[in-house]
Amino acid sequence: MLDRELFFLHKCTVQYRTLMENVMLDNHTVTYPIVARAESMPAPEHISLNKVKKSKDGMDLEVDFLASLTGDGLLKSGVVQPNVPGFGAFEILCDEGTSIGGADAAPAPLSYLAAGIGFCLLTHIHGLAKFRKLSISSIKLEQKMKFQSRIPGMTAVEGAEMHGLSKGIETLIIIESGEEAAKIASLIDASEQACMALQTVVNAIPAATTIFNNGQQI
């Protein structure tokens, strides 16, 4: 059994390395789909891939993400997968705009962040509307996330404090329905409370970073 597990982990690692090699790479040409389904999640070097946990308090889940820079530019490649049954792994590319040294070959990190929040909220609105058996024919979302970059000598004056700021999120939910306004308002309020992506940015959350340099934790 151990040999089979080691073979599986080796296969996943080879697939991930092949993705890294094929993705790029003169910093101007992407030779791989921006989003593609992965056969499986590669084996991480340090983090553990845990199973989802259910209790009377709710369901504890994780989203695992492995990524690296590819080539000499700002193109990144990664594999992401929630640990919830029925959710597959996907290989994704991420880049930056040409104004800051990228090739604009794939969505930027903040683009993925904004899209993830909007998509997650739409999922909760749709699911809760079905659960409450509301008559809704159309649900659309328009969203704006605001940021400020403070990098001395680049986006701010020399001597300024290095800082990246989130300055808010504005969301417009556009619904066509046969329901009373109060029911729709209640639906959106509950959906926002349930949306884990949205709650990640509207509430302070714990964060931890561990650094490994040349294989050694520092």
Protein backbone atom coordinates (compact mmCIF):
# COMPACT_ATOMS: atom_id res chain seq x y z
CA MET A 1 0.00 0.00 0.00
CA LEU A 2 2.85 2.36 0.82
CA ASP A 3 4.48 1.78 -2.59
CA ARG A 4 1.21 2.62 -4.36
CA GLU A 5 0.82 5.82 -2.31
CA LEU A 6 4.40 6.86 -3.05
CA PHE A 7 3.86 6.20 -6.75
CA PHE A 8 0.70 8.34 -6.70
CA LEU A 9 2.49 11.21 -4.94
CA HIS A 10 5.39 10.96 -7.40
CA LYS A 11 2.97 11.06 -10.34
CA CYS A 12 1.26 14.18 -8.96
CA THR A 13 4.61 15.89 -8.43
CA VAL A 14 5.74 15.09 -11.98
CA GLN A 15 2.48 16.48 -13.36
CA TYR A 16 2.98 19.71 -11.41
CA ARG A 17 6.59 20.10 -12.56
CA THR A 18 5.54 19.48 -16.16
CA LEU A 19 2.95 22.24 -15.80
CA MET A 20 5.65 24.61 -14.56
CA GLU A 21 7.86 23.80 -17.55
CA ASN A 22 5.11 24.07 -20.18
CA VAL A 23 3.53 27.23 -18.92
CA MET A 24 5.98 29.74 -20.30
CA LEU A 25 7.97 31.28 -21.26
CA ASP A 26 9.56 34.15 -22.77
CA ASN A 27 7.42 36.31 -20.46
CA HIS A 28 5.22 37.23 -23.41
CA THR A 29 3.76 33.94 -24.60
CA VAL A 30 1.55 31.60 -22.59
CA THR A 31 1.53 28.11 -24.05
CA TYR A 32 -0.89 26.64 -21.52
CA PRO A 33 -4.58 27.36 -20.80
CA ILE A 34 -5.10 30.04 -18.16
CA VAL A 35 -7.42 27.64 -16.33
CA ALA A 36 -7.34 23.87 -16.80
CA ARG A 37 -8.58 20.93 -14.77
CA ALA A 38 -5.80 19.05 -13.00
CA GLU A 39 -5.85 15.29 -12.57
CA SER A 40 -5.12 15.71 -8.88
CA MET A 41 -3.56 17.97 -6.28
CA PRO A 42 0.26 17.65 -6.26
CA ALA A 43 1.93 16.59 -3.04
CA PRO A 44 2.97 19.65 -0.98
CA GLU A 45 6.43 19.88 0.53
CA HIS A 46 5.32 21.22 3.91
CA ILE A 47 1.58 21.71 4.38
CA SER A 48 -0.74 18.79 5.03
CA LEU A 49 -3.79 18.01 2.91
CA ASN A 50 -6.53 17.49 5.47
CA LYS A 51 -10.03 16.11 5.14
CA VAL A 52 -13.10 18.26 5.65
CA LYS A 53 -14.51 18.13 9.19
CA LYS A 54 -18.17 18.29 10.11
CA SER A 55 -19.59 18.98 13.56
CA LYS A 56 -22.71 20.40 15.15
CA ASP A 57 -21.13 23.85 14.81
CA GLY A 58 -20.66 23.58 11.06
CA MET A 59 -18.26 22.32 8.42
CA ASP A 60 -14.55 23.14 8.66
CA LEU A 61 -12.99 23.19 5.22
CA GLU A 62 -9.75 24.28 3.64
CA VAL A 63 -8.65 25.47 0.22
CA ASP A 64 -5.13 24.31 -0.60
CA PHE A 65 -2.99 26.22 -3.09
CA LEU A 66 0.49 25.47 -4.42
CA ALA A 67 2.16 28.07 -6.63
CA SER A 68 5.46 29.27 -8.03
CA LEU A 69 6.88 31.90 -10.34
CA THR A 70 7.61 30.67 -13.86
CA GLY A 71 10.36 32.15 -16.00
CA ASP A 72 11.90 35.57 -15.43
CA GLY A 73 8.73 37.66 -15.44
CA LEU A 74 5.75 37.90 -13.12
CA LEU A 75 3.79 34.97 -14.52
CA LYS A 76 2.76 32.58 -11.76
CA SER A 77 1.32 29.09 -11.99
CA GLY A 78 -0.50 27.12 -9.34
CA VAL A 79 -2.87 24.32 -8.50
CA VAL A 80 -5.82 24.98 -6.20
CA GLN A 81 -8.40 22.66 -4.66
CA PRO A 82 -10.90 22.81 -1.79
CA ASN A 83 -10.84 19.72 0.43
CA VAL A 84 -14.61 19.27 0.07
CA PRO A 85 -15.75 16.09 -1.74
CA GLY A 86 -16.85 16.81 -5.29
CA PHE A 87 -14.50 19.78 -5.75
CA GLY A 88 -11.70 19.13 -8.23
CA ALA A 89 -8.22 20.56 -8.59
CA PHE A 90 -7.52 23.24 -11.19
CA GLU A 91 -4.30 24.56 -12.66
CA ILE A 92 -4.39 28.34 -13.01
CA LEU A 93 -2.12 31.04 -14.37
CA CYS A 94 -1.73 34.51 -12.90
CA ASP A 95 0.18 37.51 -14.22
CA GLU A 96 0.51 41.25 -13.74
CA GLY A 97 -0.07 44.17 -16.08
CA THR A 98 2.64 45.50 -18.38
CA SER A 99 2.87 48.75 -16.40
CA ILE A 100 4.55 46.92 -13.51
CA GLY A 101 6.65 44.43 -15.46
CA GLY A 102 4.16 41.70 -16.27
CA ALA A 103 3.04 40.48 -19.68
CA ASP A 104 -0.71 40.82 -19.01
CA ALA A 105 -1.03 37.18 -20.08
CA ALA A 106 -3.45 36.10 -17.35
CA PRO A 107 -5.63 37.68 -14.62
CA ALA A 108 -3.78 39.54 -11.88
CA PRO A 109 -3.90 38.41 -8.22
CA LEU A 110 -6.32 41.17 -7.24
CA SER A 111 -8.52 40.24 -10.20
CA TYR A 112 -8.80 36.69 -8.87
CA LEU A 113 -9.50 38.05 -5.39
CA ALA A 114 -12.32 40.30 -6.57
CA ALA A 115 -13.79 37.63 -8.83
CA GLY A 116 -13.64 35.01 -6.08
CA ILE A 117 -15.59 37.19 -3.68
CA GLY A 118 -18.22 38.04 -6.28
CA PHE A 119 -18.61 34.47 -7.48
CA CYS A 120 -18.82 33.12 -3.92
CA LEU A 121 -21.53 35.62 -3.02
CA LEU A 122 -23.54 34.68 -6.12
CA THR A 123 -23.31 31.02 -5.08
CA HIS A 124 -24.75 31.78 -1.66
CA ILE A 125 -27.52 34.00 -3.04
CA HIS A 126 -28.57 31.32 -5.51
CA GLY A 127 -28.39 28.49 -2.98
CA LEU A 128 -30.27 30.33 -0.26
CA ALA A 129 -32.92 31.52 -2.73
CA LYS A 130 -33.58 27.91 -3.73
CA PHE A 131 -33.65 26.81 -0.09
CA ARG A 132 -36.21 29.51 0.72
CA LYS A 133 -38.13 28.71 -2.47
CA LEU A 134 -38.09 32.29 -3.67
CA SER A 135 -39.32 33.22 -7.13
CA ILE A 136 -36.27 34.79 -8.77
CA SER A 137 -35.67 34.93 -12.52
CA SER A 138 -32.34 36.76 -12.65
CA ILE A 139 -29.42 37.49 -10.33
CA LYS A 140 -26.54 39.72 -11.39
CA LEU A 141 -23.70 41.33 -9.51
CA GLU A 142 -21.57 44.43 -10.04
CA GLN A 143 -18.65 44.89 -7.68
CA LYS A 144 -15.81 47.32 -7.10
CA MET A 145 -12.85 46.67 -4.80
CA LYS A 146 -10.64 49.60 -3.86
CA PHE A 147 -6.97 49.41 -2.90
CA GLN A 148 -3.98 51.63 -2.28
CA SER A 149 -0.39 50.60 -2.97
CA ARG A 150 2.38 52.28 -0.97
CA ILE A 151 5.79 51.16 -2.23
CA PRO A 152 8.50 53.77 -1.60
CA GLY A 153 10.05 54.96 -4.84
CA MET A 154 7.47 53.16 -6.97
CA THR A 155 3.88 53.94 -6.04
CA ALA A 156 4.71 56.34 -3.21
CA VAL A 157 7.44 58.87 -2.47
CA GLU A 158 10.81 57.77 -1.14
CA GLY A 159 10.74 57.38 2.62
CA ALA A 160 7.06 56.45 2.76
CA GLU A 161 5.94 53.46 4.78
CA MET A 162 5.69 50.20 2.83
CA HIS A 163 2.06 49.24 2.91
CA GLY A 164 -0.71 47.66 0.88
CA LEU A 165 -4.20 48.80 1.80
CA SER A 166 -7.69 47.55 1.10
CA LYS A 167 -9.95 50.59 1.01
CA GLY A 168 -13.30 48.89 0.74
CA ILE A 169 -15.63 46.84 -1.38
CA GLU A 170 -18.85 48.01 -3.02
CA THR A 171 -21.35 45.44 -4.23
CA LEU A 172 -24.52 45.91 -6.25
CA ILE A 173 -26.94 42.98 -6.45
CA ILE A 174 -29.40 43.27 -9.34
CA ILE A 175 -32.37 40.91 -9.00
CA GLU A 176 -35.51 40.28 -11.00
CA SER A 177 -38.10 38.51 -8.89
CA GLY A 178 -41.72 38.11 -7.94
CA GLU A 179 -40.93 38.54 -4.25
CA GLU A 180 -41.50 41.35 -1.76
CA ALA A 181 -38.58 43.71 -1.23
CA ALA A 182 -38.23 42.62 2.41
CA LYS A 183 -37.67 39.00 1.40
CA ILE A 184 -35.00 39.97 -1.11
CA ALA A 185 -33.26 42.20 1.44
CA SER A 186 -33.30 39.35 3.95
CA LEU A 187 -31.89 36.99 1.30
CA ILE A 188 -28.96 39.27 0.53
CA ASP A 189 -28.20 39.96 4.19
CA ALA A 190 -28.11 36.24 5.00
CA SER A 191 -26.04 35.48 1.88
CA GLU A 192 -23.44 38.09 2.82
CA GLN A 193 -23.18 36.64 6.31
CA ALA A 194 -22.72 33.13 4.89
CA CYS A 195 -20.23 34.08 2.17
CA MET A 196 -16.81 32.96 3.43
CA ALA A 197 -14.93 34.88 0.74
CA LEU A 198 -16.69 38.14 1.57
CA GLN A 199 -16.27 37.62 5.31
CA THR A 200 -12.54 37.11 4.75
CA VAL A 201 -12.17 40.75 3.68
CA VAL A 202 -14.79 42.47 5.83
CA ASN A 203 -13.56 40.97 9.11
CA ALA A 204 -10.11 40.72 10.68
CA ILE A 205 -8.82 37.15 10.42
CA PRO A 206 -5.74 35.39 11.80
CA ALA A 207 -2.83 35.00 9.39
CA ALA A 208 0.51 33.23 9.70
CA THR A 209 3.53 33.08 7.39
CA THR A 210 6.35 30.55 7.73
CA ILE A 211 9.56 31.02 5.72
CA PHE A 212 11.83 28.27 4.40
CA ASN A 213 15.22 29.37 3.07
CA ASN A 214 17.34 26.69 1.37
CA GLY A 215 15.20 24.02 2.99
CA GLN A 216 15.56 25.45 6.49
CA GLN A 217 12.77 27.14 8.41
CA ILE A 218 13.72 30.62 9.58
